PDB file of N, CA and C in Angstrom:
ATOM      1  N   MET A   1     124.433-139.746 -42.191  1.00  0.00           N
ATOM      2  CA  MET A   1     125.645-140.225 -42.515  1.00  0.00           C
ATOM      3  C   MET A   1     126.688-140.480 -41.401  1.00  0.00           C
ATOM      4  N   GLU A   2     126.603-139.357 -40.537  1.00  0.00           N
ATOM      5  CA  GLU A   2     127.419-139.259 -39.398  1.00  0.00           C
ATOM      6  C   GLU A   2     127.147-140.451 -38.573  1.00  0.00           C
ATOM      7  N   GLN A   3     125.723-140.775 -38.216  1.00  0.00           N
ATOM      8  CA  GLN A   3     125.320-141.578 -37.502  1.00  0.00           C
ATOM      9  C   GLN A   3     125.813-142.935 -37.871  1.00  0.00           C
ATOM     10  N   ARG A   4     125.752-143.241 -39.221  1.00  0.00           N
ATOM     11  CA  ARG A   4     126.291-144.565 -39.452  1.00  0.00           C
ATOM     12  C   ARG A   4     127.751-144.814 -39.179  1.00  0.00           C
ATOM     13  N   VAL A   5     128.568-143.661 -39.578  1.00  0.00           N
ATOM     14  CA  VAL A   5     129.992-143.824 -39.344  1.00  0.00           C
ATOM     15  C   VAL A   5     130.100-143.890 -37.783  1.00  0.00           C
ATOM     16  N   THR A   6     129.463-143.354 -37.018  1.00  0.00           N
ATOM     17  CA  THR A   6     129.515-143.472 -35.575  1.00  0.00           C
ATOM     18  C   THR A   6     129.207-144.884 -35.009  1.00  0.00           C
ATOM     19  N   THR A   7     128.207-145.471 -35.652  1.00  0.00           N
ATOM     20  CA  THR A   7     127.748-146.807 -35.376  1.00  0.00           C
ATOM     21  C   THR A   7     128.920-147.755 -35.690  1.00  0.00           C
ATOM     22  N   ILE A   8     129.382-147.644 -36.934  1.00  0.00           N
ATOM     23  CA  ILE A   8     130.401-148.490 -37.379  1.00  0.00           C
ATOM     24  C   ILE A   8     131.588-148.325 -36.535  1.00  0.00           C
ATOM     25  N   ILE A   9     132.028-147.389 -36.096  1.00  0.00           N
ATOM     26  CA  ILE A   9     133.056-147.124 -35.230  1.00  0.00           C
ATOM     27  C   ILE A   9     132.934-147.734 -33.691  1.00  0.00           C
ATOM     28  N   ALA A  10     131.572-147.535 -33.404  1.00  0.00           N
ATOM     29  CA  ALA A  10     131.488-148.326 -31.961  1.00  0.00           C
ATOM     30  C   ALA A  10     131.433-149.782 -32.221  1.00  0.00           C
ATOM     31  N   HIS A  11     130.954-150.426 -33.383  1.00  0.00           N
ATOM     32  CA  HIS A  11     131.124-151.685 -33.681  1.00  0.00           C
ATOM     33  C   HIS A  11     132.531-152.293 -33.657  1.00  0.00           C
ATOM     34  N   ILE A  12     133.310-151.311 -34.411  1.00  0.00           N
ATOM     35  CA  ILE A  12     134.829-151.671 -34.590  1.00  0.00           C
ATOM     36  C   ILE A  12     135.499-151.602 -33.237  1.00  0.00           C
ATOM     37  N   ALA A  13     135.205-150.706 -32.150  1.00  0.00           N
ATOM     38  CA  ALA A  13     135.755-150.532 -31.010  1.00  0.00           C
ATOM     39  C   ALA A  13     135.387-151.810 -30.201  1.00  0.00           C
ATOM     40  N   ALA A  14     134.191-152.160 -30.166  1.00  0.00           N
ATOM     41  CA  ALA A  14     133.667-153.428 -29.430  1.00  0.00           C
ATOM     42  C   ALA A  14     134.667-154.623 -29.970  1.00  0.00           C
ATOM     43  N   SER A  15     134.735-154.750 -31.285  1.00  0.00           N
ATOM     44  CA  SER A  15     135.395-156.004 -31.921  1.00  0.00           C
ATOM     45  C   SER A  15     137.101-155.861 -31.638  1.00  0.00           C
ATOM     46  N   HIS A  16     137.560-154.540 -31.475  1.00  0.00           N
ATOM     47  CA  HIS A  16     138.994-154.469 -31.059  1.00  0.00           C
ATOM     48  C   HIS A  16     139.215-154.944 -29.639  1.00  0.00           C
ATOM     49  N   GLY A  17     138.270-154.588 -28.884  1.00  0.00           N
ATOM     50  CA  GLY A  17     138.163-154.929 -27.352  1.00  0.00           C
ATOM     51  C   GLY A  17     138.138-156.320 -27.145  1.00  0.00           C
ATOM     52  N   GLU A  18     137.457-157.262 -27.961  1.00  0.00           N
ATOM     53  CA  GLU A  18     137.395-158.480 -27.901  1.00  0.00           C
ATOM     54  C   GLU A  18     138.626-159.197 -28.212  1.00  0.00           C
ATOM     55  N   MET A  19     139.181-158.708 -29.425  1.00  0.00           N
ATOM     56  CA  MET A  19     140.490-159.150 -29.949  1.00  0.00           C
ATOM     57  C   MET A  19     141.630-158.863 -29.013  1.00  0.00           C
ATOM     58  N   ALA A  20     141.504-157.797 -28.283  1.00  0.00           N
ATOM     59  CA  ALA A  20     142.625-157.461 -27.199  1.00  0.00           C
ATOM     60  C   ALA A  20     142.515-158.560 -26.008  1.00  0.00           C
ATOM     61  N   LYS A  21     141.312-158.780 -25.571  1.00  0.00           N
ATOM     62  CA  LYS A  21     141.154-159.807 -24.560  1.00  0.00           C
ATOM     63  C   LYS A  21     141.913-161.209 -24.849  1.00  0.00           C
ATOM     64  N   ILE A  22     141.452-161.569 -26.119  1.00  0.00           N
ATOM     65  CA  ILE A  22     142.233-162.738 -26.718  1.00  0.00           C
ATOM     66  C   ILE A  22     143.706-162.559 -26.798  1.00  0.00           C
ATOM     67  N   LEU A  23     144.097-161.644 -27.258  1.00  0.00           N
ATOM     68  CA  LEU A  23     145.567-161.455 -27.240  1.00  0.00           C
ATOM     69  C   LEU A  23     146.282-161.456 -25.927  1.00  0.00           C
ATOM     70  N   GLU A  24     145.536-160.894 -24.875  1.00  0.00           N
ATOM     71  CA  GLU A  24     145.871-160.752 -23.474  1.00  0.00           C
ATOM     72  C   GLU A  24     146.165-162.033 -22.772  1.00  0.00           C
ATOM     73  N   THR A  25     145.104-162.981 -23.354  1.00  0.00           N
ATOM     74  CA  THR A  25     145.184-164.412 -22.745  1.00  0.00           C
ATOM     75  C   THR A  25     146.442-165.070 -23.478  1.00  0.00           C
ATOM     76  N   HIS A  26     146.583-164.948 -24.863  1.00  0.00           N
ATOM     77  CA  HIS A  26     147.817-165.544 -25.505  1.00  0.00           C
ATOM     78  C   HIS A  26     149.149-165.023 -24.811  1.00  0.00           C
ATOM     79  N   ARG A  27     149.218-163.756 -24.510  1.00  0.00           N
ATOM     80  CA  ARG A  27     150.322-163.160 -23.836  1.00  0.00           C
ATOM     81  C   ARG A  27     150.666-163.898 -22.505  1.00  0.00           C
ATOM     82  N   HIS A  28     149.684-164.125 -21.658  1.00  0.00           N
ATOM     83  CA  HIS A  28     149.936-164.601 -20.435  1.00  0.00           C
ATOM     84  C   HIS A  28     150.389-166.031 -20.562  1.00  0.00           C
ATOM     85  N   VAL A  29     149.821-167.013 -21.391  1.00  0.00           N
ATOM     86  CA  VAL A  29     150.259-168.169 -21.678  1.00  0.00           C
ATOM     87  C   VAL A  29     151.729-168.208 -22.228  1.00  0.00           C
ATOM     88  N   SER A  30     152.086-167.232 -23.005  1.00  0.00           N
ATOM     89  CA  SER A  30     153.422-167.180 -23.636  1.00  0.00           C
ATOM     90  C   SER A  30     154.498-166.769 -22.562  1.00  0.00           C
ATOM     91  N   THR A  31     153.956-165.749 -21.672  1.00  0.00           N
ATOM     92  CA  THR A  31     154.775-165.376 -20.644  1.00  0.00           C
ATOM     93  C   THR A  31     155.178-166.363 -19.608  1.00  0.00           C
ATOM     94  N   GLN A  32     154.070-167.213 -19.251  1.00  0.00           N
ATOM     95  CA  GLN A  32     154.343-168.344 -18.216  1.00  0.00           C
ATOM     96  C   GLN A  32     155.270-169.285 -18.872  1.00  0.00           C
ATOM     97  N   MET A  33     154.966-169.703 -20.153  1.00  0.00           N
ATOM     98  CA  MET A  33     155.983-170.687 -20.762  1.00  0.00           C
ATOM     99  C   MET A  33     157.380-170.231 -20.722  1.00  0.00           C
ATOM    100  N   ALA A  34     157.505-168.983 -21.055  1.00  0.00           N
ATOM    101  CA  ALA A  34     158.821-168.223 -21.029  1.00  0.00           C
ATOM    102  C   ALA A  34     159.511-168.371 -19.814  1.00  0.00           C
ATOM    103  N   GLY A  35     158.667-167.978 -18.710  1.00  0.00           N
ATOM    104  CA  GLY A  35     159.209-168.182 -17.320  1.00  0.00           C
ATOM    105  C   GLY A  35     159.639-169.617 -17.086  1.00  0.00           C
ATOM    106  N   ILE A  36     159.027-170.515 -17.531  1.00  0.00           N
ATOM    107  CA  ILE A  36     159.376-171.998 -17.121  1.00  0.00           C
ATOM    108  C   ILE A  36     160.592-172.227 -17.972  1.00  0.00           C
ATOM    109  N   VAL A  37     160.855-171.694 -19.060  1.00  0.00           N
ATOM    110  CA  VAL A  37     162.170-172.048 -19.797  1.00  0.00           C
ATOM    111  C   VAL A  37     163.358-171.419 -19.187  1.00  0.00           C
ATOM    112  N   GLN A  38     162.948-170.150 -18.563  1.00  0.00           N
ATOM    113  CA  GLN A  38     164.339-169.645 -17.871  1.00  0.00           C
ATOM    114  C   GLN A  38     164.731-170.332 -16.680  1.00  0.00           C
ATOM    115  N   GLU A  39     163.827-171.106 -16.119  1.00  0.00           N
ATOM    116  CA  GLU A  39     164.094-171.945 -14.955  1.00  0.00           C
ATOM    117  C   GLU A  39     164.870-173.297 -15.235  1.00  0.00           C
ATOM    118  N   LEU A  40     164.892-173.553 -16.514  1.00  0.00           N
ATOM    119  CA  LEU A  40     165.614-174.723 -16.958  1.00  0.00           C
ATOM    120  C   LEU A  40     167.164-174.695 -16.615  1.00  0.00           C
ATOM    121  N   PRO A  41     167.655-175.606 -16.285  1.00  0.00           N
ATOM    122  CA  PRO A  41     169.137-175.723 -15.987  1.00  0.00           C
ATOM    123  C   PRO A  41     169.883-175.669 -17.284  1.00  0.00           C
ATOM    124  N   ASP A  42     171.159-174.876 -17.327  1.00  0.00           N
ATOM    125  CA  ASP A  42     171.826-174.705 -18.413  1.00  0.00           C
ATOM    126  C   ASP A  42     172.585-175.905 -18.791  1.00  0.00           C
ATOM    127  N   SER A  43     173.191-176.839 -17.885  1.00  0.00           N
ATOM    128  CA  SER A  43     173.836-178.002 -18.467  1.00  0.00           C
ATOM    129  C   SER A  43     173.270-179.208 -17.644  1.00  0.00           C
ATOM    130  N   HIS A  44     173.330-180.332 -18.390  1.00  0.00           N
ATOM    131  CA  HIS A  44     172.895-181.648 -17.862  1.00  0.00           C
ATOM    132  C   HIS A  44     171.489-181.547 -17.425  1.00  0.00           C
ATOM    133  N   PRO A  45     170.649-181.091 -18.151  1.00  0.00           N
ATOM    134  CA  PRO A  45     169.141-181.204 -17.727  1.00  0.00           C
ATOM    135  C   PRO A  45     168.663-182.529 -17.779  1.00  0.00           C
ATOM    136  N   ASP A  46     167.702-183.042 -17.134  1.00  0.00           N
ATOM    137  CA  ASP A  46     167.254-184.411 -16.869  1.00  0.00           C
ATOM    138  C   ASP A  46     165.743-184.111 -17.404  1.00  0.00           C
ATOM    139  N   PHE A  47     165.317-184.407 -18.557  1.00  0.00           N
ATOM    140  CA  PHE A  47     164.053-184.294 -19.060  1.00  0.00           C
ATOM    141  C   PHE A  47     163.420-185.496 -19.586  1.00  0.00           C
ATOM    142  N   ALA A  48     163.900-186.637 -19.258  1.00  0.00           N
ATOM    143  CA  ALA A  48     163.613-187.934 -19.536  1.00  0.00           C
ATOM    144  C   ALA A  48     163.677-188.089 -20.889  1.00  0.00           C
ATOM    145  N   GLY A  49     164.720-187.750 -21.536  1.00  0.00           N
ATOM    146  CA  GLY A  49     165.007-187.946 -22.908  1.00  0.00           C
ATOM    147  C   GLY A  49     165.001-186.646 -23.724  1.00  0.00           C
ATOM    148  N   LEU A  50     165.804-186.818 -24.722  1.00  0.00           N
ATOM    149  CA  LEU A  50     165.813-185.526 -25.620  1.00  0.00           C
ATOM    150  C   LEU A  50     164.583-185.175 -26.483  1.00  0.00           C
ATOM    151  N   GLU A  51     163.725-186.344 -26.641  1.00  0.00           N
ATOM    152  CA  GLU A  51     162.595-186.286 -27.422  1.00  0.00           C
ATOM    153  C   GLU A  51     161.431-185.433 -26.561  1.00  0.00           C
ATOM    154  N   ASN A  52     161.359-185.679 -25.282  1.00  0.00           N
ATOM    155  CA  ASN A  52     160.498-184.786 -24.329  1.00  0.00           C
ATOM    156  C   ASN A  52     160.961-183.283 -24.450  1.00  0.00           C
ATOM    157  N   LEU A  53     162.229-183.118 -24.376  1.00  0.00           N
ATOM    158  CA  LEU A  53     162.734-181.699 -24.434  1.00  0.00           C
ATOM    159  C   LEU A  53     162.415-181.013 -25.547  1.00  0.00           C
ATOM    160  N   GLN A  54     162.478-181.658 -26.840  1.00  0.00           N
ATOM    161  CA  GLN A  54     162.031-181.100 -28.064  1.00  0.00           C
ATOM    162  C   GLN A  54     160.653-180.915 -28.230  1.00  0.00           C
ATOM    163  N   LYS A  55     159.880-181.769 -27.632  1.00  0.00           N
ATOM    164  CA  LYS A  55     158.414-181.593 -27.666  1.00  0.00           C
ATOM    165  C   LYS A  55     157.960-180.306 -26.676  1.00  0.00           C
ATOM    166  N   ARG A  56     158.614-180.192 -25.744  1.00  0.00           N
ATOM    167  CA  ARG A  56     158.397-178.801 -24.855  1.00  0.00           C
ATOM    168  C   ARG A  56     158.632-177.572 -25.700  1.00  0.00           C
ATOM    169  N   ALA A  57     160.027-177.725 -26.130  1.00  0.00           N
ATOM    170  CA  ALA A  57     160.634-176.538 -26.969  1.00  0.00           C
ATOM    171  C   ALA A  57     159.552-176.132 -28.198  1.00  0.00           C
ATOM    172  N   LEU A  58     159.120-177.169 -28.846  1.00  0.00           N
ATOM    173  CA  LEU A  58     158.142-177.076 -29.952  1.00  0.00           C
ATOM    174  C   LEU A  58     156.823-176.309 -29.566  1.00  0.00           C
ATOM    175  N   GLN A  59     156.236-176.848 -28.327  1.00  0.00           N
ATOM    176  CA  GLN A  59     155.064-176.406 -27.560  1.00  0.00           C
ATOM    177  C   GLN A  59     155.331-174.694 -27.386  1.00  0.00           C
ATOM    178  N   LEU A  60     156.447-174.460 -26.943  1.00  0.00           N
ATOM    179  CA  LEU A  60     156.792-172.979 -26.542  1.00  0.00           C
ATOM    180  C   LEU A  60     156.760-172.152 -27.775  1.00  0.00           C
ATOM    181  N   THR A  61     157.510-172.778 -28.954  1.00  0.00           N
ATOM    182  CA  THR A  61     157.649-171.986 -29.997  1.00  0.00           C
ATOM    183  C   THR A  61     156.354-171.916 -30.622  1.00  0.00           C
ATOM    184  N   ARG A  62     155.448-172.858 -30.666  1.00  0.00           N
ATOM    185  CA  ARG A  62     154.071-172.634 -31.104  1.00  0.00           C
ATOM    186  C   ARG A  62     153.200-171.687 -30.536  1.00  0.00           C
ATOM    187  N   GLN A  63     153.436-171.642 -29.122  1.00  0.00           N
ATOM    188  CA  GLN A  63     152.669-170.578 -28.501  1.00  0.00           C
ATOM    189  C   GLN A  63     153.093-169.142 -28.911  1.00  0.00           C
ATOM    190  N   VAL A  64     154.339-168.918 -28.827  1.00  0.00           N
ATOM    191  CA  VAL A  64     154.881-167.647 -29.061  1.00  0.00           C
ATOM    192  C   VAL A  64     154.547-167.374 -30.597  1.00  0.00           C
ATOM    193  N   THR A  65     154.595-168.177 -31.528  1.00  0.00           N
ATOM    194  CA  THR A  65     154.220-167.777 -32.901  1.00  0.00           C
ATOM    195  C   THR A  65     152.885-167.704 -32.918  1.00  0.00           C
ATOM    196  N   ALA A  66     151.975-168.323 -32.312  1.00  0.00           N
ATOM    197  CA  ALA A  66     150.491-168.100 -32.211  1.00  0.00           C
ATOM    198  C   ALA A  66     150.077-166.750 -31.673  1.00  0.00           C
ATOM    199  N   TYR A  67     150.958-166.253 -30.707  1.00  0.00           N
ATOM    200  CA  TYR A  67     150.875-164.855 -30.061  1.00  0.00           C
ATOM    201  C   TYR A  67     151.121-163.777 -31.216  1.00  0.00           C
ATOM    202  N   LEU A  68     152.171-164.041 -31.785  1.00  0.00           N
ATOM    203  CA  LEU A  68     152.766-163.050 -32.756  1.00  0.00           C
ATOM    204  C   LEU A  68     151.878-162.889 -33.918  1.00  0.00           C
ATOM    205  N   ASN A  69     151.240-164.158 -34.455  1.00  0.00           N
ATOM    206  CA  ASN A  69     150.309-164.113 -35.647  1.00  0.00           C
ATOM    207  C   ASN A  69     149.110-163.415 -35.258  1.00  0.00           C
ATOM    208  N   SER A  70     148.586-163.533 -33.746  1.00  0.00           N
ATOM    209  CA  SER A  70     147.373-162.860 -33.421  1.00  0.00           C
ATOM    210  C   SER A  70     147.614-161.292 -33.481  1.00  0.00           C
ATOM    211  N   LEU A  71     148.823-160.941 -33.083  1.00  0.00           N
ATOM    212  CA  LEU A  71     149.205-159.562 -33.273  1.00  0.00           C
ATOM    213  C   LEU A  71     149.024-159.120 -34.541  1.00  0.00           C
ATOM    214  N   ALA A  72     149.634-159.766 -35.479  1.00  0.00           N
ATOM    215  CA  ALA A  72     149.716-159.370 -36.818  1.00  0.00           C
ATOM    216  C   ALA A  72     148.138-159.435 -37.291  1.00  0.00           C
ATOM    217  N   ASP A  73     147.275-160.380 -37.097  1.00  0.00           N
ATOM    218  CA  ASP A  73     145.799-160.288 -37.494  1.00  0.00           C
ATOM    219  C   ASP A  73     145.255-159.254 -36.905  1.00  0.00           C
ATOM    220  N   LEU A  74     145.463-158.694 -35.658  1.00  0.00           N
ATOM    221  CA  LEU A  74     144.869-157.649 -34.879  1.00  0.00           C
ATOM    222  C   LEU A  74     145.289-156.317 -35.847  1.00  0.00           C
ATOM    223  N   GLU A  75     146.483-156.219 -36.038  1.00  0.00           N
ATOM    224  CA  GLU A  75     146.956-155.201 -36.971  1.00  0.00           C
ATOM    225  C   GLU A  75     146.269-154.854 -38.183  1.00  0.00           C
ATOM    226  N   GLU A  76     146.283-156.083 -38.878  1.00  0.00           N
ATOM    227  CA  GLU A  76     145.634-156.184 -40.271  1.00  0.00           C
ATOM    228  C   GLU A  76     144.115-155.715 -40.085  1.00  0.00           C
ATOM    229  N   ALA A  77     143.379-156.279 -38.969  1.00  0.00           N
ATOM    230  CA  ALA A  77     141.878-155.883 -39.064  1.00  0.00           C
ATOM    231  C   ALA A  77     141.745-154.541 -38.582  1.00  0.00           C
ATOM    232  N   ILE A  78     142.654-153.893 -37.926  1.00  0.00           N
ATOM    233  CA  ILE A  78     142.508-152.442 -37.412  1.00  0.00           C
ATOM    234  C   ILE A  78     142.899-151.532 -38.741  1.00  0.00           C
ATOM    235  N   ALA A  79     143.822-152.071 -39.620  1.00  0.00           N
ATOM    236  CA  ALA A  79     144.089-151.235 -40.639  1.00  0.00           C
ATOM    237  C   ALA A  79     142.863-151.389 -41.847  1.00  0.00           C
ATOM    238  N   LYS A  80     142.276-152.519 -41.937  1.00  0.00           N
ATOM    239  CA  LYS A  80     141.220-152.636 -42.800  1.00  0.00           C
ATOM    240  C   LYS A  80     140.046-151.794 -42.517  1.00  0.00           C
ATOM    241  N   GLN A  81     139.728-151.826 -40.988  1.00  0.00           N
ATOM    242  CA  GLN A  81     138.539-151.288 -40.551  1.00  0.00           C
ATOM    243  C   GLN A  81     138.578-149.713 -40.470  1.00  0.00           C
ATOM    244  N   THR A  82     139.885-149.269 -40.295  1.00  0.00           N
ATOM    245  CA  THR A  82     140.335-147.873 -40.429  1.00  0.00           C
ATOM    246  C   THR A  82     140.088-147.340 -41.618  1.00  0.00           C
ATOM    247  N   GLU A  83     140.408-148.152 -42.731  1.00  0.00           N
ATOM    248  CA  GLU A  83     140.457-147.650 -44.304  1.00  0.00           C
ATOM    249  C   GLU A  83     138.761-147.504 -44.479  1.00  0.00           C
ATOM    250  N   MET A  84     138.148-148.603 -44.238  1.00  0.00           N
ATOM    251  CA  MET A  84     136.908-148.622 -44.290  1.00  0.00           C
ATOM    252  C   MET A  84     136.047-147.262 -43.867  1.00  0.00           C
ATOM    253  N   VAL A  85     136.280-147.027 -42.546  1.00  0.00           N
ATOM    254  CA  VAL A  85     135.906-145.747 -41.927  1.00  0.00           C
ATOM    255  C   VAL A  85     136.270-144.455 -42.757  1.00  0.00           C
ATOM    256  N   MET A  86     137.573-144.451 -43.027  1.00  0.00           N
ATOM    257  CA  MET A  86     138.045-143.323 -43.683  1.00  0.00           C
ATOM    258  C   MET A  86     137.487-143.093 -45.177  1.00  0.00           C
ATOM    259  N   LYS A  87     137.180-144.078 -45.779  1.00  0.00           N
ATOM    260  CA  LYS A  87     136.457-143.931 -46.954  1.00  0.00           C
ATOM    261  C   LYS A  87     134.803-143.661 -46.767  1.00  0.00           C
ATOM    262  N   GLU A  88     134.402-144.096 -45.815  1.00  0.00           N
ATOM    263  CA  GLU A  88     133.049-143.740 -45.485  1.00  0.00           C
ATOM    264  C   GLU A  88     132.811-142.284 -45.144  1.00  0.00           C
ATOM    265  N   MET A  89     133.854-141.761 -44.479  1.00  0.00           N
ATOM    266  CA  MET A  89     133.734-140.438 -44.106  1.00  0.00           C
ATOM    267  C   MET A  89     134.008-139.427 -45.073  1.00  0.00           C
ATOM    268  N   HIS A  90     134.838-139.988 -46.389  1.00  0.00           N
ATOM    269  CA  HIS A  90     135.053-139.014 -47.341  1.00  0.00           C
ATOM    270  C   HIS A  90     134.155-139.037 -48.474  1.00  0.00           C
ATOM    271  N   VAL A  91     133.119-139.990 -48.263  1.00  0.00           N
ATOM    272  CA  VAL A  91     131.918-140.056 -49.113  1.00  0.00           C
ATOM    273  C   VAL A  91     130.903-138.727 -49.188  1.00  0.00           C
ATOM    274  N   PRO A  92     130.687-137.875 -50.129  1.00  0.00           N
ATOM    275  CA  PRO A  92     129.963-136.828 -50.126  1.00  0.00           C
ATOM    276  C   PRO A  92     128.416-137.312 -49.463  1.00  0.00           C
ATOM    277  N   ASP A  93     127.881-136.339 -48.943  1.00  0.00           N
ATOM    278  CA  ASP A  93     126.667-136.571 -48.139  1.00  0.00           C
ATOM    279  C   ASP A  93     125.595-136.608 -49.196  1.00  0.00           C
ATOM    280  N   GLU A  94     124.858-137.775 -49.464  1.00  0.00           N
ATOM    281  CA  GLU A  94     124.067-137.891 -50.517  1.00  0.00           C
ATOM    282  C   GLU A  94     122.662-137.577 -50.073  1.00  0.00           C
ATOM    283  N   GLU A  95     122.325-137.395 -48.815  1.00  0.00           N
ATOM    284  CA  GLU A  95     121.125-137.379 -48.254  1.00  0.00           C
ATOM    285  C   GLU A  95     120.582-135.891 -48.198  1.00  0.00           C
TER     286      GLU A  95
END
């Protein structure tokens, strides 16, 4: 029984490691885009039209939203997997 729990925890750890790599990539993209936004002038910017400015702002908003959603998904996955492991650990040994 303990071997099964140990194996499950090892798989969960590997899964979380992969999710963390994905989130790290999202974080770098969001950070780069936020840095670009900080460099924009406060007044009279020339973006070749308001439509282009809105398009870029929407891209940044989508990137940040995707990153935050990924964090929420990771939190949910960790909670579900931890719950599963805790239930498995509390099952009486039938062997």
